[in-house]
Amino acid sequence: MIPGKAGKMEKTVKRGREGMVESSSFAGHMANVILGLVLLLIAFCSIVPMWHVLMASISEGRGLFAKDGLVLLPVGGLNFEGYKLVFSDPSILRSYAVTVFYVVGTAGLGLLLNVLGGYVLSQNSRLKPTPLWVVSRHTTPAGSSTNRENSRFSR
């Protein structure tokens, strides 16, 4: 607190980056602590199951069946026989190739269409659709007569 006009005490405010105001109050610190704990809990709940599956996948099968509970380290030593078996099948590798092809193709097509759409919308033109046209075009069936009659792009 610092003395302000007419002897009143004013709250100190720490300025961060341009336009940001950060409060240094107790409630602000408590909120940061609580949010940090919640994020740690979410991270823990996300990472532990994946770690368990990874450790179980490289454990020996018989030792894993005898183990109860969470697997934090490989049971019975490292064993990559399951991975060797899976990747020796050519259909798995072909499936991965198809998956990668579809992911890359879809991402590339999406990027291309977004760049083209962004370019069109950035230009000052009479042909640029209005927001109402965009909403009506995307919320009604493509073949409806309402869109064709009311569209400013109709013939």
N, C-alpha and C. Protein backbone atom coordinates (compact mmCIF):
# COMPACT_ATOMS: atom_id res chain seq x y z
N MET A 1 0.84 -1.18 0.00
CA MET A 1 0.00 0.00 0.00
C MET A 1 0.89 1.24 0.00
N ILE A 2 0.47 2.20 -0.79
CA ILE A 2 1.20 3.47 -0.83
C ILE A 2 0.19 4.59 -0.62
N PRO A 3 0.65 5.72 -0.04
CA PRO A 3 -0.30 6.82 0.16
C PRO A 3 -0.70 7.42 -1.18
N GLY A 4 -1.98 7.64 -1.34
CA GLY A 4 -2.50 8.22 -2.57
C GLY A 4 -3.01 9.63 -2.31
N LYS A 5 -3.93 10.07 -3.14
CA LYS A 5 -4.52 11.40 -2.99
C LYS A 5 -5.34 11.44 -1.72
N ALA A 6 -5.36 12.53 -1.08
CA ALA A 6 -6.15 12.81 0.12
C ALA A 6 -5.79 11.83 1.25
N GLY A 7 -4.55 11.32 1.26
CA GLY A 7 -4.09 10.50 2.37
C GLY A 7 -4.63 9.08 2.38
N LYS A 8 -5.40 8.68 1.35
CA LYS A 8 -5.91 7.31 1.31
C LYS A 8 -4.81 6.36 0.86
N MET A 9 -4.88 5.15 1.36
CA MET A 9 -3.91 4.14 0.96
C MET A 9 -4.41 3.45 -0.31
N GLU A 10 -3.56 3.35 -1.30
CA GLU A 10 -3.92 2.69 -2.55
C GLU A 10 -3.18 1.36 -2.66
N LYS A 11 -3.81 0.41 -3.30
CA LYS A 11 -3.23 -0.91 -3.49
C LYS A 11 -2.13 -0.84 -4.55
N THR A 12 -1.00 -1.48 -4.29
CA THR A 12 0.07 -1.50 -5.28
C THR A 12 -0.27 -2.53 -6.34
N VAL A 13 -0.03 -2.17 -7.56
CA VAL A 13 -0.30 -3.05 -8.68
C VAL A 13 0.98 -3.19 -9.48
N LYS A 14 1.39 -4.42 -9.70
CA LYS A 14 2.59 -4.70 -10.47
C LYS A 14 2.20 -4.83 -11.94
N ARG A 15 2.86 -4.08 -12.78
CA ARG A 15 2.58 -4.14 -14.21
C ARG A 15 3.50 -5.15 -14.86
N GLY A 16 2.88 -6.05 -15.61
CA GLY A 16 3.65 -7.06 -16.34
C GLY A 16 3.92 -6.58 -17.74
N ARG A 17 3.70 -7.47 -18.69
CA ARG A 17 3.86 -7.10 -20.09
C ARG A 17 2.86 -6.02 -20.46
N GLU A 18 3.02 -5.49 -21.63
CA GLU A 18 2.16 -4.41 -22.12
C GLU A 18 0.68 -4.77 -21.99
N GLY A 19 -0.06 -4.00 -21.24
CA GLY A 19 -1.49 -4.18 -21.10
C GLY A 19 -1.90 -5.17 -20.05
N MET A 20 -0.96 -5.88 -19.44
CA MET A 20 -1.32 -6.87 -18.43
C MET A 20 -1.12 -6.27 -17.04
N VAL A 21 -2.06 -6.51 -16.17
CA VAL A 21 -1.94 -6.08 -14.79
C VAL A 21 -1.99 -7.32 -13.92
N GLU A 22 -0.98 -7.49 -13.09
CA GLU A 22 -0.94 -8.65 -12.21
C GLU A 22 -1.12 -8.17 -10.78
N SER A 23 -2.01 -8.80 -10.08
CA SER A 23 -2.25 -8.45 -8.69
C SER A 23 -1.33 -9.28 -7.81
N SER A 24 -0.79 -8.66 -6.79
CA SER A 24 0.09 -9.38 -5.88
C SER A 24 -0.60 -9.65 -4.56
N SER A 25 -1.91 -9.86 -4.61
CA SER A 25 -2.67 -10.08 -3.39
C SER A 25 -2.55 -11.53 -2.93
N PHE A 26 -2.94 -11.79 -1.72
CA PHE A 26 -2.91 -13.14 -1.16
C PHE A 26 -3.85 -14.06 -1.95
N ALA A 27 -5.02 -13.54 -2.30
CA ALA A 27 -5.98 -14.35 -3.06
C ALA A 27 -5.42 -14.73 -4.43
N GLY A 28 -4.68 -13.81 -5.05
CA GLY A 28 -4.06 -14.10 -6.34
C GLY A 28 -3.03 -15.21 -6.22
N HIS A 29 -2.22 -15.16 -5.15
CA HIS A 29 -1.23 -16.21 -4.93
C HIS A 29 -1.90 -17.55 -4.64
N MET A 30 -2.97 -17.54 -3.86
CA MET A 30 -3.68 -18.78 -3.55
C MET A 30 -4.31 -19.37 -4.81
N ALA A 31 -4.86 -18.52 -5.66
CA ALA A 31 -5.45 -19.00 -6.91
C ALA A 31 -4.37 -19.65 -7.78
N ASN A 32 -3.19 -19.04 -7.83
CA ASN A 32 -2.10 -19.63 -8.61
C ASN A 32 -1.67 -20.98 -8.04
N VAL A 33 -1.62 -21.09 -6.73
CA VAL A 33 -1.24 -22.36 -6.09
C VAL A 33 -2.30 -23.43 -6.39
N ILE A 34 -3.57 -23.08 -6.24
CA ILE A 34 -4.65 -24.04 -6.49
C ILE A 34 -4.66 -24.48 -7.95
N LEU A 35 -4.51 -23.53 -8.87
CA LEU A 35 -4.48 -23.89 -10.29
C LEU A 35 -3.28 -24.77 -10.61
N GLY A 36 -2.14 -24.47 -10.01
CA GLY A 36 -0.95 -25.31 -10.21
C GLY A 36 -1.17 -26.72 -9.71
N LEU A 37 -1.81 -26.87 -8.54
CA LEU A 37 -2.08 -28.20 -8.01
C LEU A 37 -3.07 -28.97 -8.88
N VAL A 38 -4.08 -28.28 -9.38
CA VAL A 38 -5.05 -28.93 -10.26
C VAL A 38 -4.37 -29.40 -11.55
N LEU A 39 -3.50 -28.56 -12.11
CA LEU A 39 -2.79 -28.95 -13.33
C LEU A 39 -1.84 -30.11 -13.07
N LEU A 40 -1.19 -30.13 -11.92
CA LEU A 40 -0.34 -31.27 -11.57
C LEU A 40 -1.15 -32.55 -11.43
N LEU A 41 -2.34 -32.46 -10.84
CA LEU A 41 -3.21 -33.62 -10.71
C LEU A 41 -3.65 -34.14 -12.07
N ILE A 42 -4.01 -33.23 -12.96
CA ILE A 42 -4.40 -33.63 -14.32
C ILE A 42 -3.23 -34.28 -15.04
N ALA A 43 -2.04 -33.70 -14.91
CA ALA A 43 -0.85 -34.29 -15.55
C ALA A 43 -0.57 -35.68 -14.98
N PHE A 44 -0.68 -35.83 -13.67
CA PHE A 44 -0.45 -37.12 -13.03
C PHE A 44 -1.45 -38.16 -13.53
N CYS A 45 -2.72 -37.76 -13.60
CA CYS A 45 -3.76 -38.69 -14.06
C CYS A 45 -3.61 -39.04 -15.53
N SER A 46 -2.91 -38.22 -16.29
CA SER A 46 -2.70 -38.50 -17.71
C SER A 46 -1.44 -39.33 -17.94
N ILE A 47 -0.39 -39.07 -17.17
CA ILE A 47 0.90 -39.70 -17.41
C ILE A 47 0.97 -41.10 -16.80
N VAL A 48 0.42 -41.30 -15.62
CA VAL A 48 0.55 -42.59 -14.93
C VAL A 48 -0.04 -43.75 -15.73
N PRO A 49 -1.24 -43.64 -16.30
CA PRO A 49 -1.74 -44.78 -17.10
C PRO A 49 -0.87 -45.08 -18.32
N MET A 50 -0.36 -44.04 -18.97
CA MET A 50 0.51 -44.29 -20.13
C MET A 50 1.81 -44.96 -19.70
N TRP A 51 2.38 -44.55 -18.56
CA TRP A 51 3.58 -45.16 -18.04
C TRP A 51 3.33 -46.64 -17.68
N HIS A 52 2.18 -46.90 -17.06
CA HIS A 52 1.81 -48.27 -16.70
C HIS A 52 1.73 -49.16 -17.94
N VAL A 53 1.10 -48.69 -18.98
CA VAL A 53 0.96 -49.47 -20.22
C VAL A 53 2.33 -49.69 -20.85
N LEU A 54 3.18 -48.67 -20.87
CA LEU A 54 4.51 -48.81 -21.44
C LEU A 54 5.33 -49.84 -20.67
N MET A 55 5.31 -49.77 -19.35
CA MET A 55 6.08 -50.71 -18.53
C MET A 55 5.52 -52.13 -18.65
N ALA A 56 4.21 -52.25 -18.73
CA ALA A 56 3.61 -53.58 -18.90
C ALA A 56 3.95 -54.17 -20.26
N SER A 57 4.07 -53.30 -21.29
CA SER A 57 4.34 -53.80 -22.63
C SER A 57 5.77 -54.31 -22.78
N ILE A 58 6.69 -53.88 -21.93
CA ILE A 58 8.07 -54.36 -22.03
C ILE A 58 8.43 -55.30 -20.88
N SER A 59 7.42 -55.80 -20.17
CA SER A 59 7.64 -56.75 -19.08
C SER A 59 7.43 -58.17 -19.59
N GLU A 60 7.95 -59.13 -18.84
CA GLU A 60 7.70 -60.53 -19.17
C GLU A 60 6.25 -60.87 -18.83
N GLY A 61 5.63 -61.66 -19.68
CA GLY A 61 4.20 -61.96 -19.54
C GLY A 61 3.84 -62.68 -18.26
N ARG A 62 4.58 -63.73 -17.91
CA ARG A 62 4.25 -64.52 -16.72
C ARG A 62 4.42 -63.71 -15.44
N GLY A 63 5.47 -62.94 -15.38
CA GLY A 63 5.69 -62.09 -14.20
C GLY A 63 4.63 -61.01 -14.08
N LEU A 64 4.15 -60.54 -15.22
CA LEU A 64 3.12 -59.50 -15.23
C LEU A 64 1.79 -60.05 -14.73
N PHE A 65 1.47 -61.30 -15.08
CA PHE A 65 0.22 -61.90 -14.59
C PHE A 65 0.26 -62.09 -13.08
N ALA A 66 1.42 -62.35 -12.52
CA ALA A 66 1.54 -62.54 -11.07
C ALA A 66 1.52 -61.23 -10.31
N LYS A 67 1.80 -60.11 -10.98
CA LYS A 67 1.88 -58.80 -10.32
C LYS A 67 0.49 -58.19 -10.22
N ASP A 68 0.19 -57.64 -9.06
CA ASP A 68 -1.05 -56.90 -8.86
C ASP A 68 -0.73 -55.42 -8.74
N GLY A 69 -1.63 -54.58 -9.19
CA GLY A 69 -1.48 -53.14 -8.99
C GLY A 69 -0.71 -52.47 -10.12
N LEU A 70 -0.20 -51.30 -9.79
CA LEU A 70 0.47 -50.44 -10.76
C LEU A 70 1.86 -50.96 -11.08
N VAL A 71 2.21 -50.95 -12.35
CA VAL A 71 3.54 -51.40 -12.79
C VAL A 71 4.39 -50.15 -13.05
N LEU A 72 5.33 -49.88 -12.13
CA LEU A 72 6.18 -48.70 -12.28
C LEU A 72 7.48 -49.01 -13.00
N LEU A 73 7.96 -50.26 -12.87
CA LEU A 73 9.17 -50.72 -13.54
C LEU A 73 8.85 -52.04 -14.24
N PRO A 74 9.60 -52.40 -15.28
CA PRO A 74 9.33 -53.66 -15.95
C PRO A 74 9.42 -54.85 -14.97
N VAL A 75 8.46 -55.74 -15.07
CA VAL A 75 8.39 -56.91 -14.19
C VAL A 75 9.16 -58.05 -14.85
N GLY A 76 10.12 -58.61 -14.15
CA GLY A 76 10.87 -59.75 -14.69
C GLY A 76 11.88 -59.38 -15.74
N GLY A 77 12.33 -58.18 -15.81
CA GLY A 77 13.33 -57.76 -16.80
C GLY A 77 12.68 -57.25 -18.08
N LEU A 78 13.52 -56.67 -18.93
CA LEU A 78 13.03 -56.13 -20.21
C LEU A 78 12.74 -57.26 -21.18
N ASN A 79 11.64 -57.13 -21.89
CA ASN A 79 11.24 -58.14 -22.86
C ASN A 79 10.56 -57.43 -24.02
N PHE A 80 11.20 -57.46 -25.18
CA PHE A 80 10.66 -56.78 -26.37
C PHE A 80 10.07 -57.77 -27.37
N GLU A 81 9.79 -58.98 -26.94
CA GLU A 81 9.26 -60.00 -27.85
C GLU A 81 7.90 -59.61 -28.43
N GLY A 82 7.07 -58.96 -27.65
CA GLY A 82 5.76 -58.53 -28.15
C GLY A 82 5.91 -57.53 -29.28
N TYR A 83 6.84 -56.59 -29.15
CA TYR A 83 7.08 -55.62 -30.21
C TYR A 83 7.66 -56.29 -31.45
N LYS A 84 8.57 -57.25 -31.25
CA LYS A 84 9.13 -57.97 -32.40
C LYS A 84 8.04 -58.72 -33.15
N LEU A 85 7.13 -59.34 -32.41
CA LEU A 85 6.03 -60.08 -33.03
C LEU A 85 5.10 -59.16 -33.81
N VAL A 86 4.74 -58.05 -33.21
CA VAL A 86 3.81 -57.12 -33.86
C VAL A 86 4.42 -56.52 -35.12
N PHE A 87 5.67 -56.08 -35.04
CA PHE A 87 6.27 -55.40 -36.18
C PHE A 87 6.81 -56.36 -37.23
N SER A 88 6.78 -57.65 -36.96
CA SER A 88 7.16 -58.61 -38.00
C SER A 88 6.01 -58.86 -38.97
N ASP A 89 4.81 -58.49 -38.60
CA ASP A 89 3.64 -58.66 -39.45
C ASP A 89 3.58 -57.50 -40.45
N PRO A 90 3.64 -57.76 -41.76
CA PRO A 90 3.65 -56.67 -42.75
C PRO A 90 2.35 -55.87 -42.77
N SER A 91 1.24 -56.47 -42.35
CA SER A 91 -0.02 -55.72 -42.38
C SER A 91 -0.01 -54.57 -41.36
N ILE A 92 0.71 -54.73 -40.25
CA ILE A 92 0.81 -53.64 -39.27
C ILE A 92 1.57 -52.46 -39.86
N LEU A 93 2.70 -52.76 -40.51
CA LEU A 93 3.48 -51.68 -41.13
C LEU A 93 2.69 -50.99 -42.24
N ARG A 94 1.94 -51.77 -43.02
CA ARG A 94 1.10 -51.19 -44.07
C ARG A 94 0.01 -50.31 -43.45
N SER A 95 -0.55 -50.74 -42.32
CA SER A 95 -1.57 -49.95 -41.63
C SER A 95 -1.00 -48.63 -41.13
N TYR A 96 0.22 -48.69 -40.58
CA TYR A 96 0.86 -47.44 -40.14
C TYR A 96 1.10 -46.50 -41.33
N ALA A 97 1.53 -47.06 -42.46
CA ALA A 97 1.77 -46.23 -43.65
C ALA A 97 0.48 -45.56 -44.12
N VAL A 98 -0.62 -46.32 -44.12
CA VAL A 98 -1.91 -45.74 -44.54
C VAL A 98 -2.34 -44.65 -43.56
N THR A 99 -2.14 -44.89 -42.27
CA THR A 99 -2.51 -43.89 -41.27
C THR A 99 -1.70 -42.61 -41.46
N VAL A 100 -0.40 -42.75 -41.65
CA VAL A 100 0.45 -41.57 -41.86
C VAL A 100 0.03 -40.84 -43.13
N PHE A 101 -0.26 -41.59 -44.19
CA PHE A 101 -0.70 -40.97 -45.45
C PHE A 101 -1.97 -40.14 -45.23
N TYR A 102 -2.96 -40.72 -44.55
CA TYR A 102 -4.21 -39.99 -44.33
C TYR A 102 -4.02 -38.78 -43.42
N VAL A 103 -3.21 -38.91 -42.40
CA VAL A 103 -2.98 -37.79 -41.49
C VAL A 103 -2.28 -36.65 -42.22
N VAL A 104 -1.22 -36.96 -42.95
CA VAL A 104 -0.47 -35.93 -43.67
C VAL A 104 -1.35 -35.32 -44.77
N GLY A 105 -2.08 -36.16 -45.49
CA GLY A 105 -2.94 -35.65 -46.55
C GLY A 105 -4.05 -34.75 -46.03
N THR A 106 -4.69 -35.17 -44.96
CA THR A 106 -5.77 -34.37 -44.38
C THR A 106 -5.24 -33.05 -43.82
N ALA A 107 -4.12 -33.12 -43.13
CA ALA A 107 -3.54 -31.88 -42.58
C ALA A 107 -3.11 -30.94 -43.71
N GLY A 108 -2.52 -31.50 -44.76
CA GLY A 108 -2.10 -30.67 -45.89
C GLY A 108 -3.28 -30.04 -46.61
N LEU A 109 -4.32 -30.82 -46.85
CA LEU A 109 -5.51 -30.28 -47.50
C LEU A 109 -6.18 -29.22 -46.64
N GLY A 110 -6.28 -29.48 -45.34
CA GLY A 110 -6.85 -28.49 -44.43
C GLY A 110 -6.05 -27.21 -44.42
N LEU A 111 -4.73 -27.33 -44.40
CA LEU A 111 -3.87 -26.14 -44.43
C LEU A 111 -4.08 -25.36 -45.71
N LEU A 112 -4.09 -26.06 -46.84
CA LEU A 112 -4.29 -25.40 -48.12
C LEU A 112 -5.63 -24.67 -48.18
N LEU A 113 -6.70 -25.34 -47.78
CA LEU A 113 -8.02 -24.69 -47.82
C LEU A 113 -8.12 -23.51 -46.86
N ASN A 114 -7.51 -23.62 -45.70
CA ASN A 114 -7.54 -22.49 -44.76
C ASN A 114 -6.73 -21.31 -45.26
N VAL A 115 -5.59 -21.58 -45.87
CA VAL A 115 -4.78 -20.48 -46.43
C VAL A 115 -5.54 -19.80 -47.56
N LEU A 116 -6.14 -20.59 -48.46
CA LEU A 116 -6.90 -19.99 -49.56
C LEU A 116 -8.10 -19.20 -49.04
N GLY A 117 -8.83 -19.78 -48.07
CA GLY A 117 -9.97 -19.06 -47.50
C GLY A 117 -9.54 -17.80 -46.77
N GLY A 118 -8.44 -17.86 -46.05
CA GLY A 118 -7.93 -16.68 -45.36
C GLY A 118 -7.52 -15.60 -46.34
N TYR A 119 -6.91 -16.00 -47.46
CA TYR A 119 -6.52 -15.02 -48.47
C TYR A 119 -7.74 -14.33 -49.06
N VAL A 120 -8.76 -15.12 -49.39
CA VAL A 120 -9.97 -14.54 -49.97
C VAL A 120 -10.62 -13.57 -48.98
N LEU A 121 -10.70 -13.96 -47.72
CA LEU A 121 -11.34 -13.10 -46.73
C LEU A 121 -10.51 -11.87 -46.40
N SER A 122 -9.20 -11.91 -46.66
CA SER A 122 -8.37 -10.75 -46.36
C SER A 122 -8.44 -9.69 -47.45
N GLN A 123 -8.96 -10.03 -48.62
CA GLN A 123 -9.02 -9.10 -49.74
C GLN A 123 -10.28 -8.25 -49.67
N ASN A 124 -10.15 -6.99 -50.05
CA ASN A 124 -11.32 -6.11 -50.14
C ASN A 124 -11.96 -6.33 -51.50
N SER A 125 -13.12 -6.97 -51.48
CA SER A 125 -13.78 -7.33 -52.72
C SER A 125 -15.28 -7.33 -52.51
N ARG A 126 -16.02 -7.08 -53.61
CA ARG A 126 -17.47 -7.17 -53.52
C ARG A 126 -17.91 -8.62 -53.37
N LEU A 127 -17.08 -9.55 -53.74
CA LEU A 127 -17.45 -10.95 -53.71
C LEU A 127 -17.24 -11.59 -52.34
N LYS A 128 -16.68 -10.83 -51.39
CA LYS A 128 -16.45 -11.41 -50.07
C LYS A 128 -17.80 -11.65 -49.40
N PRO A 129 -18.04 -12.87 -48.92
CA PRO A 129 -19.33 -13.16 -48.28
C PRO A 129 -19.49 -12.41 -46.96
N THR A 130 -20.72 -12.04 -46.69
CA THR A 130 -21.02 -11.38 -45.41
C THR A 130 -21.11 -12.45 -44.33
N PRO A 131 -20.96 -12.07 -43.05
CA PRO A 131 -21.09 -13.08 -41.99
C PRO A 131 -22.44 -13.78 -42.01
N LEU A 132 -23.52 -13.07 -42.33
CA LEU A 132 -24.84 -13.69 -42.38
C LEU A 132 -24.90 -14.73 -43.48
N TRP A 133 -24.27 -14.46 -44.62
CA TRP A 133 -24.25 -15.42 -45.71
C TRP A 133 -23.48 -16.67 -45.29
N VAL A 134 -22.34 -16.50 -44.62
CA VAL A 134 -21.53 -17.64 -44.19
C VAL A 134 -22.33 -18.51 -43.22
N VAL A 135 -22.99 -17.88 -42.24
CA VAL A 135 -23.76 -18.64 -41.26
C VAL A 135 -24.92 -19.36 -41.93
N SER A 136 -25.65 -18.69 -42.81
CA SER A 136 -26.80 -19.33 -43.46
C SER A 136 -26.34 -20.43 -44.41
N ARG A 137 -25.22 -20.25 -45.03
CA ARG A 137 -24.72 -21.25 -45.98
C ARG A 137 -24.29 -22.52 -45.25
N HIS A 138 -23.76 -22.38 -44.05
CA HIS A 138 -23.23 -23.53 -43.33
C HIS A 138 -24.23 -24.16 -42.36
N THR A 139 -25.40 -23.56 -42.20
CA THR A 139 -26.37 -24.12 -41.26
C THR A 139 -27.61 -24.66 -41.96
N THR A 140 -27.70 -24.51 -43.27
CA THR A 140 -28.84 -25.04 -44.00
C THR A 140 -28.33 -26.06 -45.01
N PRO A 141 -29.19 -26.96 -45.46
CA PRO A 141 -28.75 -27.95 -46.44
C PRO A 141 -28.25 -27.29 -47.72
N ALA A 142 -27.23 -27.86 -48.31
CA ALA A 142 -26.57 -27.23 -49.47
C ALA A 142 -27.52 -27.05 -50.65
N GLY A 143 -28.48 -27.93 -50.80
CA GLY A 143 -29.35 -27.86 -51.97
C GLY A 143 -30.64 -27.11 -51.74
N SER A 144 -30.80 -26.44 -50.60
CA SER A 144 -32.09 -25.80 -50.33
C SER A 144 -32.29 -24.60 -51.24
N SER A 145 -33.53 -24.36 -51.59
CA SER A 145 -33.84 -23.26 -52.50
C SER A 145 -33.62 -21.91 -51.82
N THR A 146 -33.70 -21.86 -50.50
CA THR A 146 -33.51 -20.59 -49.78
C THR A 146 -32.11 -20.05 -50.03
N ASN A 147 -31.12 -20.92 -50.00
CA ASN A 147 -29.76 -20.47 -50.23
C ASN A 147 -29.55 -19.97 -51.65
N ARG A 148 -30.14 -20.67 -52.61
CA ARG A 148 -29.94 -20.27 -53.99
C ARG A 148 -30.66 -18.96 -54.31
N GLU A 149 -31.84 -18.76 -53.76
CA GLU A 149 -32.60 -17.56 -54.07
C GLU A 149 -32.04 -16.33 -53.37
N ASN A 150 -31.57 -16.47 -52.13
CA ASN A 150 -31.13 -15.31 -51.36
C ASN A 150 -29.63 -15.05 -51.46
N SER A 151 -28.91 -15.91 -52.10
CA SER A 151 -27.47 -15.73 -52.19
C SER A 151 -27.15 -14.61 -53.16
N ARG A 152 -26.21 -13.76 -52.79
CA ARG A 152 -25.85 -12.68 -53.70
C ARG A 152 -24.90 -13.19 -54.78
N PHE A 153 -24.55 -14.49 -54.72
CA PHE A 153 -23.68 -15.08 -55.71
C PHE A 153 -24.48 -15.90 -56.73
N SER A 154 -25.80 -15.85 -56.62
CA SER A 154 -26.61 -16.63 -57.56
C SER A 154 -26.61 -15.98 -58.93
N ARG A 155 -26.97 -16.77 -59.94
CA ARG A 155 -26.94 -16.27 -61.32
C ARG A 155 -28.09 -15.39 -61.64
